[in-house]
Structures are given as structure tokens and as C-alpha cells.
């Protein structure tokens, strides 16, 4: 039996600071996201959030708080989403 490798796909979104937390929560609810990277408008990586199957709200609460703080500081950012 041959093993098949799943291809990862990457999607990029440009959002304004006030929309950042809403978009990240939406992506987490989708369930097929492996990693979320948030970059400022100059391309500097601000935070990388690895997500695994079974991650629950209690574990994500500090991460979402950090993303909320980032949203308050940046006017525009880019979200890169790695999916299975």
C-alpha cells in the first residue's frame, strides 16, 4: 500500500487591524488550517500560530488575546494561512 502525501496550500489575506481578530477566529472555525502567520504591511512576521487538530478554546484564549493586541497596533496586515 503506497502512502499518499497531502499537499499543503497557502492562502493570503490582506486585512485592516480591526478586522484581524474576526478573520483569525473565522479561519480557526474552518478546522482545516495548520498554521496562521500574521505579517505587518512591510512583510515583517509578527506572530506564527501553529494549529493542530483538537485545539480547543482554552488553549487558544492567550493566542487570541495576543492577536487582539496586534490588531490594536497595526493599521493593515497580511494573514498567510497554510491548509492541509
C-alpha atoms as a PDB file:
ATOM      1  CA  UNK A   1       0.000   0.000   0.000  1.00  0.00           C
ATOM      2  CA  UNK A   2       1.538   3.300  -1.090  1.00  0.00           C
ATOM      3  CA  UNK A   3       1.465   6.339   1.140  1.00  0.00           C
ATOM      4  CA  UNK A   4      -0.007   9.463  -0.360  1.00  0.00           C
ATOM      5  CA  UNK A   5       1.302  12.868   0.608  1.00  0.00           C
ATOM      6  CA  UNK A   6      -1.242  15.608   1.152  1.00  0.00           C
ATOM      7  CA  UNK A   7      -0.295  18.866  -0.473  1.00  0.00           C
ATOM      8  CA  UNK A   8      -0.378  21.947   1.728  1.00  0.00           C
ATOM      9  CA  UNK A   9      -1.866  25.058   0.198  1.00  0.00           C
ATOM     10  CA  UNK A  10      -1.228  28.610   1.258  1.00  0.00           C
ATOM     11  CA  UNK A  11      -3.707  31.467   1.045  1.00  0.00           C
ATOM     12  CA  UNK A  12      -3.036  35.123   1.802  1.00  0.00           C
ATOM     13  CA  UNK A  13      -5.493  37.748   3.011  1.00  0.00           C
ATOM     14  CA  UNK A  14      -4.940  41.477   3.497  1.00  0.00           C
ATOM     15  CA  UNK A  15      -6.999  42.872   6.343  1.00  0.00           C
ATOM     16  CA  UNK A  16      -7.234  46.050   8.369  1.00  0.00           C
ATOM     17  CA  UNK A  17      -6.297  45.924  12.038  1.00  0.00           C
ATOM     18  CA  UNK A  18      -9.877  45.998  13.318  1.00  0.00           C
ATOM     19  CA  UNK A  19     -10.807  43.014  11.104  1.00  0.00           C
ATOM     20  CA  UNK A  20      -7.822  40.865  12.095  1.00  0.00           C
ATOM     21  CA  UNK A  21      -9.247  39.065  15.132  1.00  0.00           C
ATOM     22  CA  UNK A  22     -12.565  38.388  13.400  1.00  0.00           C
ATOM     23  CA  UNK A  23     -10.799  36.840  10.378  1.00  0.00           C
ATOM     24  CA  UNK A  24      -8.495  34.685  12.531  1.00  0.00           C
ATOM     25  CA  UNK A  25     -11.454  33.322  14.527  1.00  0.00           C
ATOM     26  CA  UNK A  26     -13.247  32.559  11.255  1.00  0.00           C
ATOM     27  CA  UNK A  27     -10.209  30.665   9.938  1.00  0.00           C
ATOM     28  CA  UNK A  28      -9.878  28.643  13.154  1.00  0.00           C
ATOM     29  CA  UNK A  29     -13.549  27.612  12.964  1.00  0.00           C
ATOM     30  CA  UNK A  30     -12.972  26.206   9.463  1.00  0.00           C
ATOM     31  CA  UNK A  31     -10.871  23.455  11.025  1.00  0.00           C
ATOM     32  CA  UNK A  32      -8.535  22.633   8.125  1.00  0.00           C
ATOM     33  CA  UNK A  33      -5.938  25.307   8.937  1.00  0.00           C
ATOM     34  CA  UNK A  34      -2.484  24.122  10.009  1.00  0.00           C
ATOM     35  CA  UNK A  35      -0.693  27.436  10.542  1.00  0.00           C
ATOM     36  CA  UNK A  36      -1.572  31.126  10.557  1.00  0.00           C
ATOM     37  CA  UNK A  37       1.153  33.725  10.052  1.00  0.00           C
ATOM     38  CA  UNK A  38       0.439  37.410  10.592  1.00  0.00           C
ATOM     39  CA  UNK A  39       2.748  39.966   8.973  1.00  0.00           C
ATOM     40  CA  UNK A  40       2.743  43.750   9.018  1.00  0.00           C
ATOM     41  CA  UNK A  41       2.430  45.772   5.814  1.00  0.00           C
ATOM     42  CA  UNK A  42       6.236  45.782   5.407  1.00  0.00           C
ATOM     43  CA  UNK A  43       6.283  41.965   5.426  1.00  0.00           C
ATOM     44  CA  UNK A  44       7.764  41.531   8.919  1.00  0.00           C
ATOM     45  CA  UNK A  45       6.366  38.458  10.693  1.00  0.00           C
ATOM     46  CA  UNK A  46       4.517  39.465  13.864  1.00  0.00           C
ATOM     47  CA  UNK A  47       3.175  36.096  15.038  1.00  0.00           C
ATOM     48  CA  UNK A  48       3.009  32.498  13.813  1.00  0.00           C
ATOM     49  CA  UNK A  49       0.205  30.363  15.233  1.00  0.00           C
ATOM     50  CA  UNK A  50       0.522  26.613  14.618  1.00  0.00           C
ATOM     51  CA  UNK A  51      -2.851  24.885  14.863  1.00  0.00           C
ATOM     52  CA  UNK A  52      -3.382  21.178  15.338  1.00  0.00           C
ATOM     53  CA  UNK A  53      -6.451  19.014  15.315  1.00  0.00           C
ATOM     54  CA  UNK A  54      -8.068  19.133  18.729  1.00  0.00           C
ATOM     55  CA  UNK A  55      -7.013  22.649  19.705  1.00  0.00           C
ATOM     56  CA  UNK A  56      -9.764  23.998  21.935  1.00  0.00           C
ATOM     57  CA  UNK A  57     -10.825  27.433  23.149  1.00  0.00           C
ATOM     58  CA  UNK A  58      -8.935  27.345  26.462  1.00  0.00           C
ATOM     59  CA  UNK A  59      -5.661  26.784  24.627  1.00  0.00           C
ATOM     60  CA  UNK A  60      -6.422  29.467  22.046  1.00  0.00           C
ATOM     61  CA  UNK A  61      -7.505  32.165  24.512  1.00  0.00           C
ATOM     62  CA  UNK A  62      -3.979  33.579  25.135  1.00  0.00           C
ATOM     63  CA  UNK A  63      -3.194  33.455  21.417  1.00  0.00           C
ATOM     64  CA  UNK A  64      -6.391  35.320  20.547  1.00  0.00           C
ATOM     65  CA  UNK A  65      -5.567  37.923  23.212  1.00  0.00           C
ATOM     66  CA  UNK A  66      -2.153  38.451  21.605  1.00  0.00           C
ATOM     67  CA  UNK A  67      -3.742  38.763  18.166  1.00  0.00           C
ATOM     68  CA  UNK A  68      -6.168  41.334  19.603  1.00  0.00           C
ATOM     69  CA  UNK A  69      -3.222  43.363  20.893  1.00  0.00           C
ATOM     70  CA  UNK A  70      -1.547  43.191  17.488  1.00  0.00           C
ATOM     71  CA  UNK A  71      -4.789  44.312  15.837  1.00  0.00           C
ATOM     72  CA  UNK A  72      -4.808  47.400  18.065  1.00  0.00           C
ATOM     73  CA  UNK A  73      -1.266  48.305  16.996  1.00  0.00           C
ATOM     74  CA  UNK A  74      -1.329  47.766  13.224  1.00  0.00           C
ATOM     75  CA  UNK A  75      -3.426  49.549  10.647  1.00  0.00           C
ATOM     76  CA  UNK A  76      -3.031  46.922   7.938  1.00  0.00           C
ATOM     77  CA  UNK A  77      -1.606  43.411   7.909  1.00  0.00           C
ATOM     78  CA  UNK A  78      -1.387  40.226   5.905  1.00  0.00           C
ATOM     79  CA  UNK A  79      -2.585  36.818   7.072  1.00  0.00           C
ATOM     80  CA  UNK A  80      -0.962  33.776   5.462  1.00  0.00           C
ATOM     81  CA  UNK A  81      -2.910  30.582   6.017  1.00  0.00           C
ATOM     82  CA  UNK A  82      -1.417  27.128   5.474  1.00  0.00           C
ATOM     83  CA  UNK A  83      -4.066  24.452   4.943  1.00  0.00           C
ATOM     84  CA  UNK A  84      -3.995  20.706   4.532  1.00  0.00           C
END
